[in-house]
Amino acid sequence: MMQVALTIDLHAGDRPEHIDRCNDWLRAREIPATFLVPTAMLEQESFRVLIARLGNWRHDKSHPTQAR
């Protein structure tokens, strides 16, 4: 069986319903992923609730940083 690592980069322009649909699609196929979440998204209630739900399955969450 082939194994892959899937990373989903979230961006400020993403809509909560699109992230939710992606999560549902991955869960239905039992595909775990790492979601890279910009810190600014966590300041918005609609994203905070949604992102918290990502951890209720086998997904990981990460907050990317940029080196200067």
C-alpha atoms as a PDB file:
ATOM      1  CA  MET A   1       0.000   0.000   0.000  1.00  0.00           C
ATOM      2  CA  MET A   2       1.269   3.472  -0.877  1.00  0.00           C
ATOM      3  CA  GLN A   3       1.391   6.079   1.887  1.00  0.00           C
ATOM      4  CA  VAL A   4       1.485   9.825   1.314  1.00  0.00           C
ATOM      5  CA  ALA A   5       1.680  12.944   3.452  1.00  0.00           C
ATOM      6  CA  LEU A   6      -0.964  15.510   2.581  1.00  0.00           C
ATOM      7  CA  THR A   7      -0.623  19.145   3.600  1.00  0.00           C
ATOM      8  CA  ILE A   8      -3.450  21.647   3.204  1.00  0.00           C
ATOM      9  CA  ASP A   9      -2.332  25.303   3.262  1.00  0.00           C
ATOM     10  CA  LEU A  10      -5.104  27.587   4.477  1.00  0.00           C
ATOM     11  CA  HIS A  11      -5.109  31.248   3.418  1.00  0.00           C
ATOM     12  CA  ALA A  12      -6.853  34.413   4.585  1.00  0.00           C
ATOM     13  CA  GLY A  13      -9.119  34.373   1.502  1.00  0.00           C
ATOM     14  CA  ASP A  14     -10.422  30.851   2.178  1.00  0.00           C
ATOM     15  CA  ARG A  15     -14.062  30.486   3.129  1.00  0.00           C
ATOM     16  CA  PRO A  16     -15.066  28.421   6.170  1.00  0.00           C
ATOM     17  CA  GLU A  17     -17.463  26.258   4.144  1.00  0.00           C
ATOM     18  CA  HIS A  18     -14.676  25.293   1.714  1.00  0.00           C
ATOM     19  CA  ILE A  19     -12.417  24.169   4.559  1.00  0.00           C
ATOM     20  CA  ASP A  20     -15.317  22.234   6.074  1.00  0.00           C
ATOM     21  CA  ARG A  21     -16.033  20.553   2.718  1.00  0.00           C
ATOM     22  CA  CYS A  22     -12.355  19.586   2.372  1.00  0.00           C
ATOM     23  CA  ASN A  23     -12.387  18.125   5.882  1.00  0.00           C
ATOM     24  CA  ASP A  24     -15.548  16.121   5.137  1.00  0.00           C
ATOM     25  CA  TRP A  25     -14.086  14.820   1.861  1.00  0.00           C
ATOM     26  CA  LEU A  26     -10.870  13.679   3.552  1.00  0.00           C
ATOM     27  CA  ARG A  27     -12.700  12.062   6.475  1.00  0.00           C
ATOM     28  CA  ALA A  28     -15.046  10.146   4.163  1.00  0.00           C
ATOM     29  CA  ARG A  29     -11.993   8.616   2.507  1.00  0.00           C
ATOM     30  CA  GLU A  30     -10.082   8.179   5.783  1.00  0.00           C
ATOM     31  CA  ILE A  31      -7.243  10.382   4.545  1.00  0.00           C
ATOM     32  CA  PRO A  32      -5.402  12.228   7.338  1.00  0.00           C
ATOM     33  CA  ALA A  33      -3.810  15.572   6.542  1.00  0.00           C
ATOM     34  CA  THR A  34      -1.888  18.418   8.124  1.00  0.00           C
ATOM     35  CA  PHE A  35      -3.675  21.770   7.902  1.00  0.00           C
ATOM     36  CA  LEU A  36      -1.352  24.795   7.967  1.00  0.00           C
ATOM     37  CA  VAL A  37      -3.357  27.565   9.622  1.00  0.00           C
ATOM     38  CA  PRO A  38      -2.356  31.248   9.503  1.00  0.00           C
ATOM     39  CA  THR A  39      -2.548  32.814  12.959  1.00  0.00           C
ATOM     40  CA  ALA A  40      -4.820  35.582  11.629  1.00  0.00           C
ATOM     41  CA  MET A  41      -7.523  32.971  10.955  1.00  0.00           C
ATOM     42  CA  LEU A  42      -7.645  32.132  14.660  1.00  0.00           C
ATOM     43  CA  GLU A  43      -8.735  35.699  15.391  1.00  0.00           C
ATOM     44  CA  GLN A  44     -12.037  35.089  13.570  1.00  0.00           C
ATOM     45  CA  GLU A  45     -14.716  33.141  15.427  1.00  0.00           C
ATOM     46  CA  SER A  46     -16.000  31.326  12.320  1.00  0.00           C
ATOM     47  CA  PHE A  47     -12.534  29.924  11.632  1.00  0.00           C
ATOM     48  CA  ARG A  48     -11.692  29.166  15.297  1.00  0.00           C
ATOM     49  CA  VAL A  49     -14.685  26.850  15.670  1.00  0.00           C
ATOM     50  CA  LEU A  50     -14.027  25.148  12.347  1.00  0.00           C
ATOM     51  CA  ILE A  51     -10.305  24.693  12.959  1.00  0.00           C
ATOM     52  CA  ALA A  52     -10.984  23.248  16.412  1.00  0.00           C
ATOM     53  CA  ARG A  53     -13.133  20.578  14.737  1.00  0.00           C
ATOM     54  CA  LEU A  54     -10.250  19.536  12.457  1.00  0.00           C
ATOM     55  CA  GLY A  55      -8.518  18.091  15.501  1.00  0.00           C
ATOM     56  CA  ASN A  56     -11.506  15.857  16.279  1.00  0.00           C
ATOM     57  CA  TRP A  57     -10.281  13.366  13.712  1.00  0.00           C
ATOM     58  CA  ARG A  58      -6.806  12.274  12.554  1.00  0.00           C
ATOM     59  CA  HIS A  59      -5.766  15.654  11.135  1.00  0.00           C
ATOM     60  CA  ASP A  60      -2.898  17.706  12.513  1.00  0.00           C
ATOM     61  CA  LYS A  61      -2.883  21.503  12.717  1.00  0.00           C
ATOM     62  CA  SER A  62       0.166  23.690  12.424  1.00  0.00           C
ATOM     63  CA  HIS A  63       0.827  27.412  12.456  1.00  0.00           C
ATOM     64  CA  PRO A  64       3.463  28.321   9.857  1.00  0.00           C
ATOM     65  CA  THR A  65       5.988  31.050  10.575  1.00  0.00           C
ATOM     66  CA  GLN A  66       8.229  32.956   8.234  1.00  0.00           C
ATOM     67  CA  ALA A  67      11.929  33.369   8.872  1.00  0.00           C
ATOM     68  CA  ARG A  68      13.210  36.887   8.409  1.00  0.00           C
END
